[in-house]
C-alpha atoms as a PDB file:
ATOM      1  CA  MET A   1      -0.189   0.074   0.054  1.00  0.00           C
ATOM      2  CA  ALA A   2       1.291   3.467  -0.734  1.00  0.00           C
ATOM      3  CA  ASP A   3       2.641   5.807   2.097  1.00  0.00           C
ATOM      4  CA  LYS A   4      -0.312   8.123   2.921  1.00  0.00           C
ATOM      5  CA  SER A   5       2.523  10.713   4.116  1.00  0.00           C
ATOM      6  CA  ILE A   6       4.152  10.725   0.415  1.00  0.00           C
ATOM      7  CA  SER A   7       1.527   9.853  -1.852  1.00  0.00           C
ATOM      8  CA  ALA A   8      -0.444  12.333  -4.197  1.00  0.00           C
ATOM      9  CA  ASP A   9      -3.544  10.573  -3.327  1.00  0.00           C
ATOM     10  CA  GLY A  10      -3.187  10.555   0.327  1.00  0.00           C
ATOM     11  CA  MET A  11      -2.640  14.495   0.132  1.00  0.00           C
ATOM     12  CA  ALA A  12      -5.657  14.427  -2.279  1.00  0.00           C
ATOM     13  CA  ALA A  13      -7.776  12.900   0.312  1.00  0.00           C
ATOM     14  CA  CYS A  14      -6.631  15.106   2.803  1.00  0.00           C
ATOM     15  CA  SER A  15      -7.171  18.049   1.196  1.00  0.00           C
ATOM     16  CA  THR A  16     -10.635  17.414   0.696  1.00  0.00           C
ATOM     17  CA  ASP A  17     -11.143  16.737   3.921  1.00  0.00           C
ATOM     18  CA  ILE A  18      -9.289  19.826   5.039  1.00  0.00           C
ATOM     19  CA  LEU A  19     -11.488  22.320   3.041  1.00  0.00           C
ATOM     20  CA  ALA A  20     -14.437  20.533   4.440  1.00  0.00           C
ATOM     21  CA  MET A  21     -13.788  21.442   7.518  1.00  0.00           C
ATOM     22  CA  VAL A  22     -12.340  24.793   7.099  1.00  0.00           C
ATOM     23  CA  ARG A  23     -15.692  25.531   4.970  1.00  0.00           C
ATOM     24  CA  SER A  24     -17.997  24.317   7.799  1.00  0.00           C
ATOM     25  CA  VAL A  25     -19.740  27.913   8.983  1.00  0.00           C
ATOM     26  CA  SER A  26     -20.372  26.671  12.618  1.00  0.00           C
ATOM     27  CA  HIS A  27     -16.387  26.921  13.148  1.00  0.00           C
ATOM     28  CA  ARG A  28     -13.340  28.302  11.705  1.00  0.00           C
ATOM     29  CA  PRO A  29     -10.597  25.801  12.821  1.00  0.00           C
ATOM     30  CA  THR A  30      -7.231  26.188  14.104  1.00  0.00           C
ATOM     31  CA  PRO A  31      -4.148  24.097  12.050  1.00  0.00           C
ATOM     32  CA  HIS A  32      -3.904  22.094  15.180  1.00  0.00           C
ATOM     33  CA  GLU A  33      -7.646  21.445  15.698  1.00  0.00           C
ATOM     34  CA  ILE A  34      -7.544  20.056  12.038  1.00  0.00           C
ATOM     35  CA  GLU A  35      -4.576  17.913  12.895  1.00  0.00           C
ATOM     36  CA  ARG A  36      -5.992  16.833  16.213  1.00  0.00           C
ATOM     37  CA  CYS A  37      -9.170  15.850  13.888  1.00  0.00           C
ATOM     38  CA  LEU A  38      -7.697  14.226  11.216  1.00  0.00           C
ATOM     39  CA  LYS A  39      -4.721  12.375  12.686  1.00  0.00           C
ATOM     40  CA  LYS A  40      -6.530   9.005  12.988  1.00  0.00           C
ATOM     41  CA  ARG A  41      -6.745   9.229   9.215  1.00  0.00           C
ATOM     42  CA  TYR A  42      -3.734  10.839   8.006  1.00  0.00           C
ATOM     43  CA  PRO A  43       0.111  10.797   9.430  1.00  0.00           C
ATOM     44  CA  SER A  44       0.682  14.355  11.004  1.00  0.00           C
ATOM     45  CA  VAL A  45       3.524  14.917   8.474  1.00  0.00           C
ATOM     46  CA  LEU A  46       1.039  14.521   5.538  1.00  0.00           C
ATOM     47  CA  ILE A  47      -1.513  16.978   7.704  1.00  0.00           C
ATOM     48  CA  ARG A  48       0.875  19.759   7.604  1.00  0.00           C
ATOM     49  CA  ASN A  49       2.501  19.292   3.995  1.00  0.00           C
ATOM     50  CA  THR A  50      -1.251  19.525   2.799  1.00  0.00           C
ATOM     51  CA  LEU A  51      -1.977  22.706   5.185  1.00  0.00           C
ATOM     52  CA  ARG A  52       0.970  24.162   3.788  1.00  0.00           C
ATOM     53  CA  HIS A  53       0.312  23.100   0.001  1.00  0.00           C
ATOM     54  CA  LEU A  54      -3.033  24.945   0.367  1.00  0.00           C
ATOM     55  CA  ILE A  55      -2.055  28.148   1.770  1.00  0.00           C
ATOM     56  CA  LEU A  56       0.584  28.417  -0.779  1.00  0.00           C
ATOM     57  CA  GLU A  57      -1.753  27.663  -3.376  1.00  0.00           C
ATOM     58  CA  GLY A  58      -4.263  30.537  -2.328  1.00  0.00           C
ATOM     59  CA  GLU A  59      -7.074  27.875  -1.466  1.00  0.00           C
ATOM     60  CA  LEU A  60      -6.841  28.839   2.595  1.00  0.00           C
ATOM     61  CA  ALA A  61      -5.893  31.549   4.375  1.00  0.00           C
ATOM     62  CA  TYR A  62      -4.772  32.536   8.430  1.00  0.00           C
ATOM     63  CA  ALA A  63      -7.098  34.899   9.866  1.00  0.00           C
ATOM     64  CA  SER A  64      -7.422  36.023  13.645  1.00  0.00           C
ATOM     65  CA  LEU A  65     -10.284  35.115  15.250  1.00  0.00           C
ATOM     66  CA  HIS A  66     -10.715  36.136  19.079  1.00  0.00           C
ATOM     67  CA  GLY A  67      -6.807  35.824  19.596  1.00  0.00           C
ATOM     68  CA  ARG A  68      -6.735  32.543  18.116  1.00  0.00           C
ATOM     69  CA  GLN A  69      -4.848  31.927  14.332  1.00  0.00           C
ATOM     70  CA  VAL A  70      -7.798  30.063  12.594  1.00  0.00           C
ATOM     71  CA  LEU A  71      -8.160  28.917   8.788  1.00  0.00           C
ATOM     72  CA  GLU A  72     -10.458  29.963   6.208  1.00  0.00           C
ATOM     73  CA  PRO A  73     -11.341  30.230   2.750  1.00  0.00           C
ATOM     74  CA  SER A  74      -9.180  32.331   0.709  1.00  0.00           C
ATOM     75  CA  MET A  75     -10.489  35.630  -0.845  1.00  0.00           C
ATOM     76  CA  ASP A  76      -7.492  36.345  -3.239  1.00  0.00           C
ATOM     77  CA  ARG A  77      -8.394  33.649  -5.944  1.00  0.00           C
ATOM     78  CA  ARG A  78     -11.030  33.014  -8.369  1.00  0.00           C
ATOM     79  CA  ILE A  79     -13.705  30.460  -7.032  1.00  0.00           C
ATOM     80  CA  GLN A  80     -15.933  28.771  -9.684  1.00  0.00           C
ATOM     81  CA  ILE A  81     -19.249  28.687  -7.792  1.00  0.00           C
ATOM     82  CA  SER A  82     -21.375  27.198 -10.697  1.00  0.00           C
ATOM     83  CA  PRO A  83     -21.016  26.087 -14.682  1.00  0.00           C
ATOM     84  CA  HIS A  84     -21.628  30.266 -15.459  1.00  0.00           C
ATOM     85  CA  ILE A  85     -20.686  32.186 -12.082  1.00  0.00           C
ATOM     86  CA  ALA A  86     -17.350  32.637 -10.291  1.00  0.00           C
ATOM     87  CA  LEU A  87     -16.369  34.830  -7.672  1.00  0.00           C
ATOM     88  CA  ALA A  88     -13.100  36.582  -7.682  1.00  0.00           C
ATOM     89  CA  PRO A  89     -11.238  39.746  -5.486  1.00  0.00           C
ATOM     90  CA  GLU A  90     -11.726  42.851  -7.302  1.00  0.00           C
ATOM     91  CA  ASN A  91      -8.560  43.122  -8.656  1.00  0.00           C
ATOM     92  CA  HIS A  92      -9.167  40.024 -10.796  1.00  0.00           C
ATOM     93  CA  GLY A  93     -10.104  39.779 -14.263  1.00  0.00           C
ATOM     94  CA  ALA A  94     -13.052  37.876 -16.139  1.00  0.00           C
ATOM     95  CA  GLY A  95     -12.863  34.359 -16.846  1.00  0.00           C
ATOM     96  CA  SER A  96     -12.945  32.603 -20.127  1.00  0.00           C
ATOM     97  CA  VAL A  97     -16.516  30.947 -19.434  1.00  0.00           C
ATOM     98  CA  GLY A  98     -19.405  32.798 -18.095  1.00  0.00           C
ATOM     99  CA  ILE A  99     -19.368  35.754 -15.727  1.00  0.00           C
ATOM    100  CA  THR A 100     -17.312  36.784 -13.026  1.00  0.00           C
ATOM    101  CA  VAL A 101     -18.320  38.799 -10.023  1.00  0.00           C
ATOM    102  CA  ARG A 102     -15.318  40.756  -8.240  1.00  0.00           C
ATOM    103  CA  LEU A 103     -16.033  41.593  -4.798  1.00  0.00           C
ATOM    104  CA  ARG A 104     -13.793  43.938  -2.520  1.00  0.00           C
ATOM    105  CA  HIS A 105     -13.279  42.004   0.913  1.00  0.00           C
ATOM    106  CA  GLY A 106     -15.674  43.577   3.383  1.00  0.00           C
ATOM    107  CA  ALA A 107     -17.709  43.003   6.576  1.00  0.00           C
ATOM    108  CA  SER A 108     -20.936  42.665   4.484  1.00  0.00           C
ATOM    109  CA  PHE A 109     -22.292  39.103   3.856  1.00  0.00           C
ATOM    110  CA  GLY A 110     -22.125  37.548   0.391  1.00  0.00           C
ATOM    111  CA  THR A 111     -18.539  36.813  -0.273  1.00  0.00           C
ATOM    112  CA  GLY A 112     -19.204  33.219  -1.191  1.00  0.00           C
ATOM    113  CA  GLN A 113     -17.670  31.562   2.104  1.00  0.00           C
ATOM    114  CA  HIS A 114     -21.242  30.826   3.327  1.00  0.00           C
ATOM    115  CA  PRO A 115     -22.994  27.810   1.420  1.00  0.00           C
ATOM    116  CA  SER A 116     -26.505  29.989   1.390  1.00  0.00           C
ATOM    117  CA  THR A 117     -24.610  32.449  -0.964  1.00  0.00           C
ATOM    118  CA  ARG A 118     -22.996  29.950  -3.221  1.00  0.00           C
ATOM    119  CA  LEU A 119     -26.602  27.845  -3.335  1.00  0.00           C
ATOM    120  CA  ALA A 120     -28.367  31.116  -4.040  1.00  0.00           C
ATOM    121  CA  LEU A 121     -25.909  31.595  -6.862  1.00  0.00           C
ATOM    122  CA  ARG A 122     -26.147  28.099  -8.577  1.00  0.00           C
ATOM    123  CA  LEU A 123     -29.833  27.963  -8.700  1.00  0.00           C
ATOM    124  CA  MET A 124     -29.699  31.581 -10.254  1.00  0.00           C
ATOM    125  CA  ASP A 125     -27.457  29.996 -13.110  1.00  0.00           C
ATOM    126  CA  ASP A 126     -30.160  27.108 -13.146  1.00  0.00           C
ATOM    127  CA  VAL A 127     -32.964  29.658 -13.706  1.00  0.00           C
ATOM    128  CA  PHE A 128     -31.074  32.085 -16.185  1.00  0.00           C
ATOM    129  CA  HIS A 129     -30.245  28.974 -18.151  1.00  0.00           C
ATOM    130  CA  ALA A 130     -33.435  27.020 -17.605  1.00  0.00           C
ATOM    131  CA  ASP A 131     -33.929  26.459 -21.314  1.00  0.00           C
ATOM    132  CA  GLY A 132     -30.601  24.613 -21.725  1.00  0.00           C
ATOM    133  CA  ASN A 133     -29.086  27.340 -23.791  1.00  0.00           C
ATOM    134  CA  GLU A 134     -25.600  29.046 -23.246  1.00  0.00           C
ATOM    135  CA  ARG A 135     -27.393  32.512 -23.760  1.00  0.00           C
ATOM    136  CA  PRO A 136     -29.127  33.423 -20.574  1.00  0.00           C
ATOM    137  CA  ILE A 137     -32.852  33.794 -20.068  1.00  0.00           C
ATOM    138  CA  ARG A 138     -33.423  37.693 -20.134  1.00  0.00           C
ATOM    139  CA  PHE A 139     -34.957  38.906 -16.847  1.00  0.00           C
ATOM    140  CA  ASN A 140     -35.884  42.658 -17.220  1.00  0.00           C
ATOM    141  CA  ARG A 141     -36.208  43.739 -13.484  1.00  0.00           C
ATOM    142  CA  VAL A 142     -34.775  41.872 -10.281  1.00  0.00           C
ATOM    143  CA  LEU A 143     -35.068  42.391  -6.507  1.00  0.00           C
ATOM    144  CA  ASP A 144     -32.425  41.474  -4.150  1.00  0.00           C
ATOM    145  CA  ILE A 145     -33.743  41.311  -0.450  1.00  0.00           C
ATOM    146  CA  GLY A 146     -31.258  41.541   2.256  1.00  0.00           C
ATOM    147  CA  ALA A 147     -28.578  42.368  -0.378  1.00  0.00           C
ATOM    148  CA  GLY A 148     -25.268  42.161   1.917  1.00  0.00           C
ATOM    149  CA  SER A 149     -22.349  42.841  -0.635  1.00  0.00           C
ATOM    150  CA  GLY A 150     -24.517  42.887  -3.201  1.00  0.00           C
ATOM    151  CA  VAL A 151     -23.399  39.675  -4.849  1.00  0.00           C
ATOM    152  CA  LEU A 152     -26.819  37.920  -6.187  1.00  0.00           C
ATOM    153  CA  ALA A 153     -28.008  41.459  -7.611  1.00  0.00           C
ATOM    154  CA  ILE A 154     -24.683  42.077  -9.337  1.00  0.00           C
ATOM    155  CA  ALA A 155     -24.708  38.832 -10.652  1.00  0.00           C
ATOM    156  CA  ALA A 156     -28.117  38.799 -11.967  1.00  0.00           C
ATOM    157  CA  LEU A 157     -26.974  41.994 -13.743  1.00  0.00           C
ATOM    158  CA  LEU A 158     -23.945  40.357 -15.441  1.00  0.00           C
ATOM    159  CA  LEU A 159     -25.978  37.552 -16.412  1.00  0.00           C
ATOM    160  CA  GLY A 160     -28.064  40.068 -18.311  1.00  0.00           C
ATOM    161  CA  ALA A 161     -30.712  41.134 -16.296  1.00  0.00           C
ATOM    162  CA  GLY A 162     -32.022  44.550 -16.930  1.00  0.00           C
ATOM    163  CA  THR A 163     -32.053  46.472 -13.836  1.00  0.00           C
ATOM    164  CA  ALA A 164     -31.725  45.348 -10.262  1.00  0.00           C
ATOM    165  CA  THR A 165     -33.133  46.621  -6.743  1.00  0.00           C
ATOM    166  CA  ALA A 166     -31.065  45.771  -3.746  1.00  0.00           C
ATOM    167  CA  THR A 167     -32.411  46.227  -0.551  1.00  0.00           C
ATOM    168  CA  ASP A 168     -30.686  46.069   3.037  1.00  0.00           C
ATOM    169  CA  ILE A 169     -31.382  47.405   6.362  1.00  0.00           C
ATOM    170  CA  ASP A 170     -27.227  47.765   7.328  1.00  0.00           C
ATOM    171  CA  PRO A 171     -25.537  51.007   6.296  1.00  0.00           C
ATOM    172  CA  CYS A 172     -22.541  48.787   5.845  1.00  0.00           C
ATOM    173  CA  ALA A 173     -24.013  46.151   3.631  1.00  0.00           C
ATOM    174  CA  LEU A 174     -25.674  49.480   1.245  1.00  0.00           C
ATOM    175  CA  PHE A 175     -22.390  51.018   1.091  1.00  0.00           C
ATOM    176  CA  GLU A 176     -20.348  47.973   0.130  1.00  0.00           C
ATOM    177  CA  ALA A 177     -22.978  46.828  -2.338  1.00  0.00           C
ATOM    178  CA  LYS A 178     -22.516  50.313  -4.171  1.00  0.00           C
ATOM    179  CA  GLN A 179     -19.032  49.884  -4.309  1.00  0.00           C
ATOM    180  CA  ASN A 180     -18.992  46.189  -5.770  1.00  0.00           C
ATOM    181  CA  ALA A 181     -21.429  47.410  -8.347  1.00  0.00           C
ATOM    182  CA  GLU A 182     -18.982  50.197  -9.497  1.00  0.00           C
ATOM    183  CA  ILE A 183     -16.271  47.809  -9.670  1.00  0.00           C
ATOM    184  CA  ASN A 184     -18.600  45.314 -11.660  1.00  0.00           C
ATOM    185  CA  GLY A 185     -19.324  48.266 -14.068  1.00  0.00           C
ATOM    186  CA  VAL A 186     -23.157  47.584 -13.194  1.00  0.00           C
ATOM    187  CA  SER A 187     -23.799  50.960 -10.996  1.00  0.00           C
ATOM    188  CA  ASP A 188     -25.776  52.847 -13.754  1.00  0.00           C
ATOM    189  CA  ARG A 189     -28.310  49.802 -13.735  1.00  0.00           C
ATOM    190  CA  ILE A 190     -28.688  49.037  -9.945  1.00  0.00           C
ATOM    191  CA  THR A 191     -30.476  50.733  -6.979  1.00  0.00           C
ATOM    192  CA  VAL A 192     -29.471  50.262  -3.770  1.00  0.00           C
ATOM    193  CA  LEU A 193     -32.014  51.127  -1.182  1.00  0.00           C
ATOM    194  CA  ASP A 194     -32.671  50.703   2.713  1.00  0.00           C
ATOM    195  CA  THR A 195     -36.413  51.079   2.080  1.00  0.00           C
ATOM    196  CA  PRO A 196     -38.828  48.710   3.951  1.00  0.00           C
ATOM    197  CA  LEU A 197     -40.432  45.802   1.711  1.00  0.00           C
ATOM    198  CA  GLU A 198     -43.696  46.887   2.207  1.00  0.00           C
ATOM    199  CA  ASP A 199     -42.911  50.243   0.025  1.00  0.00           C
ATOM    200  CA  ILE A 200     -41.104  48.934  -2.560  1.00  0.00           C
ATOM    201  CA  SER A 201     -43.489  48.936  -5.745  1.00  0.00           C
ATOM    202  CA  PRO A 202     -44.230  45.724  -7.519  1.00  0.00           C
ATOM    203  CA  CYS A 203     -43.088  44.087 -10.043  1.00  0.00           C
ATOM    204  CA  PHE A 204     -40.250  41.975 -10.656  1.00  0.00           C
ATOM    205  CA  ASP A 205     -39.095  39.046 -12.848  1.00  0.00           C
ATOM    206  CA  LEU A 206     -36.994  37.571 -10.628  1.00  0.00           C
ATOM    207  CA  VAL A 207     -36.809  38.123  -6.478  1.00  0.00           C
ATOM    208  CA  LEU A 208     -33.784  37.132  -4.755  1.00  0.00           C
ATOM    209  CA  ALA A 209     -33.969  36.604  -1.037  1.00  0.00           C
ATOM    210  CA  ASN A 210     -31.076  34.909   0.532  1.00  0.00           C
ATOM    211  CA  LEU A 211     -32.608  35.132   4.566  1.00  0.00           C
ATOM    212  CA  ARG A 212     -33.292  33.052   7.305  1.00  0.00           C
ATOM    213  CA  THR A 213     -36.447  30.830   7.669  1.00  0.00           C
ATOM    214  CA  PRO A 214     -38.599  32.943  10.005  1.00  0.00           C
ATOM    215  CA  THR A 215     -37.804  35.900   7.793  1.00  0.00           C
ATOM    216  CA  LEU A 216     -38.891  33.743   4.499  1.00  0.00           C
ATOM    217  CA  HIS A 217     -42.113  32.641   6.196  1.00  0.00           C
ATOM    218  CA  HIS A 218     -43.007  36.375   7.405  1.00  0.00           C
ATOM    219  CA  ILE A 219     -42.540  38.111   3.993  1.00  0.00           C
ATOM    220  CA  LEU A 220     -43.945  35.460   1.610  1.00  0.00           C
ATOM    221  CA  PRO A 221     -46.923  37.638   1.337  1.00  0.00           C
ATOM    222  CA  GLU A 222     -44.967  40.619   0.137  1.00  0.00           C
ATOM    223  CA  LEU A 223     -42.759  38.489  -2.210  1.00  0.00           C
ATOM    224  CA  VAL A 224     -46.417  36.899  -3.781  1.00  0.00           C
ATOM    225  CA  ARG A 225     -47.234  41.134  -4.401  1.00  0.00           C
ATOM    226  CA  LEU A 226     -43.799  41.841  -5.794  1.00  0.00           C
ATOM    227  CA  CYS A 227     -43.333  39.178  -8.297  1.00  0.00           C
ATOM    228  CA  TYR A 228     -44.888  39.307 -11.712  1.00  0.00           C
ATOM    229  CA  PRO A 229     -47.275  35.682 -12.747  1.00  0.00           C
ATOM    230  CA  LYS A 230     -44.544  33.164 -13.804  1.00  0.00           C
ATOM    231  CA  GLY A 231     -41.967  35.435 -12.197  1.00  0.00           C
ATOM    232  CA  VAL A 232     -39.184  33.419 -10.274  1.00  0.00           C
ATOM    233  CA  ILE A 233     -38.111  33.252  -6.338  1.00  0.00           C
ATOM    234  CA  VAL A 234     -34.862  31.888  -5.322  1.00  0.00           C
ATOM    235  CA  CYS A 235     -34.903  31.318  -1.594  1.00  0.00           C
ATOM    236  CA  SER A 236     -31.696  30.713   0.339  1.00  0.00           C
ATOM    237  CA  GLY A 237     -30.324  30.647   3.978  1.00  0.00           C
ATOM    238  CA  MET A 238     -32.591  28.008   5.661  1.00  0.00           C
ATOM    239  CA  ARG A 239     -30.923  24.776   7.377  1.00  0.00           C
ATOM    240  CA  SER A 240     -31.762  21.650   5.351  1.00  0.00           C
ATOM    241  CA  GLU A 241     -34.306  20.674   7.939  1.00  0.00           C
ATOM    242  CA  GLU A 242     -35.811  23.827   7.550  1.00  0.00           C
ATOM    243  CA  LEU A 243     -36.259  23.531   4.027  1.00  0.00           C
ATOM    244  CA  PRO A 244     -39.746  21.061   3.784  1.00  0.00           C
ATOM    245  CA  SER A 245     -41.677  23.844   5.686  1.00  0.00           C
ATOM    246  CA  ILE A 246     -40.466  26.325   3.761  1.00  0.00           C
ATOM    247  CA  VAL A 247     -41.398  24.424   0.521  1.00  0.00           C
ATOM    248  CA  THR A 248     -45.031  23.411   2.136  1.00  0.00           C
ATOM    249  CA  TYR A 249     -45.698  26.890   3.184  1.00  0.00           C
ATOM    250  CA  TYR A 250     -44.690  28.953  -0.029  1.00  0.00           C
ATOM    251  CA  THR A 251     -46.828  26.168  -2.207  1.00  0.00           C
ATOM    252  CA  SER A 252     -49.903  26.730  -0.231  1.00  0.00           C
ATOM    253  CA  GLY A 253     -49.300  30.395  -1.032  1.00  0.00           C
ATOM    254  CA  GLY A 254     -49.931  30.456  -4.765  1.00  0.00           C
ATOM    255  CA  ILE A 255     -46.597  29.523  -6.241  1.00  0.00           C
ATOM    256  CA  ASP A 256     -45.113  26.379  -7.314  1.00  0.00           C
ATOM    257  CA  LEU A 257     -41.703  24.399  -6.149  1.00  0.00           C
ATOM    258  CA  TRP A 258     -39.348  24.384  -9.611  1.00  0.00           C
ATOM    259  CA  THR A 259     -35.875  23.102  -7.753  1.00  0.00           C
ATOM    260  CA  MET A 260     -34.286  22.834  -4.514  1.00  0.00           C
ATOM    261  CA  SER A 261     -30.702  22.115  -3.597  1.00  0.00           C
ATOM    262  CA  HIS A 262     -28.588  21.366  -0.285  1.00  0.00           C
ATOM    263  CA  GLU A 263     -24.880  21.800   0.910  1.00  0.00           C
ATOM    264  CA  ASP A 264     -23.133  21.737   4.110  1.00  0.00           C
ATOM    265  CA  GLY A 265     -26.510  21.476   6.342  1.00  0.00           C
ATOM    266  CA  TRP A 266     -27.784  24.529   4.211  1.00  0.00           C
ATOM    267  CA  GLY A 267     -30.832  24.506   1.736  1.00  0.00           C
ATOM    268  CA  ALA A 268     -32.243  26.654  -1.274  1.00  0.00           C
ATOM    269  CA  THR A 269     -35.234  26.699  -3.092  1.00  0.00           C
ATOM    270  CA  ALA A 270     -36.421  28.399  -6.435  1.00  0.00           C
ATOM    271  CA  PHE A 271     -40.223  28.597  -6.862  1.00  0.00           C
ATOM    272  CA  ARG A 272     -42.591  29.888  -9.733  1.00  0.00           C
ATOM    273  CA  ILE A 273     -45.441  32.418  -9.530  1.00  0.00           C
ATOM    274  CA  ARG A 274     -48.790  30.756 -10.786  1.00  0.00           C
ATOM    275  CA  SER A 275     -50.355  32.691 -13.920  1.00  0.00           C
END
């Protein structure tokens, strides 16, 4: 049997397990915690070499959290989220396929490190390319509720949406969403607001809501009001075990389930408003 401390297969397997630990949204591990957790499966020398490799390759980066040195996914490289959507730091260029949303690393939610953001982007990709063609479906008006960094609204615009409205109650998020829109060259097609949902005028072809489950339950009537008949609603931000209750509640409220997805204990779903 090949020595896992030196084999390429051993390092690949170890990399997969380390990345899964670091991408966990519940806990950012220290190098020592990673080694302690994986030492029953891999030699310590392999774990340490793999950690060094992942850092040198730009997959992981050190961060300080409550006085502890932890590892987190690096924001210094382009990350392919779905077949047609990638995220990258602001100084990166576009990729050869699809779109690249460039983000300034800030405090607002929506960098792609959280599964709920990745799930929403993947469902958006599915929605825009639902006809199976490389040319995306045209959505004239998009609404992004709880926009954070603005990543979902910006991605929609880069995919070909006409205009987008991004709402959030956090002043920091509003500022960063405007910055990211400028970085991506879509400032002229996005409106960033702190307006309450009930004061926003309908209607939108696509509504994006990356929010926690209680909020998704609460705003269903507003989502139906804001979306055109046959329009699409993409919801993310619920835990996987909460997804069935969202599907049951939404499909009893005048909309049909389109598709759903899961990652790392989180869920997302897309609905279509009945005509």
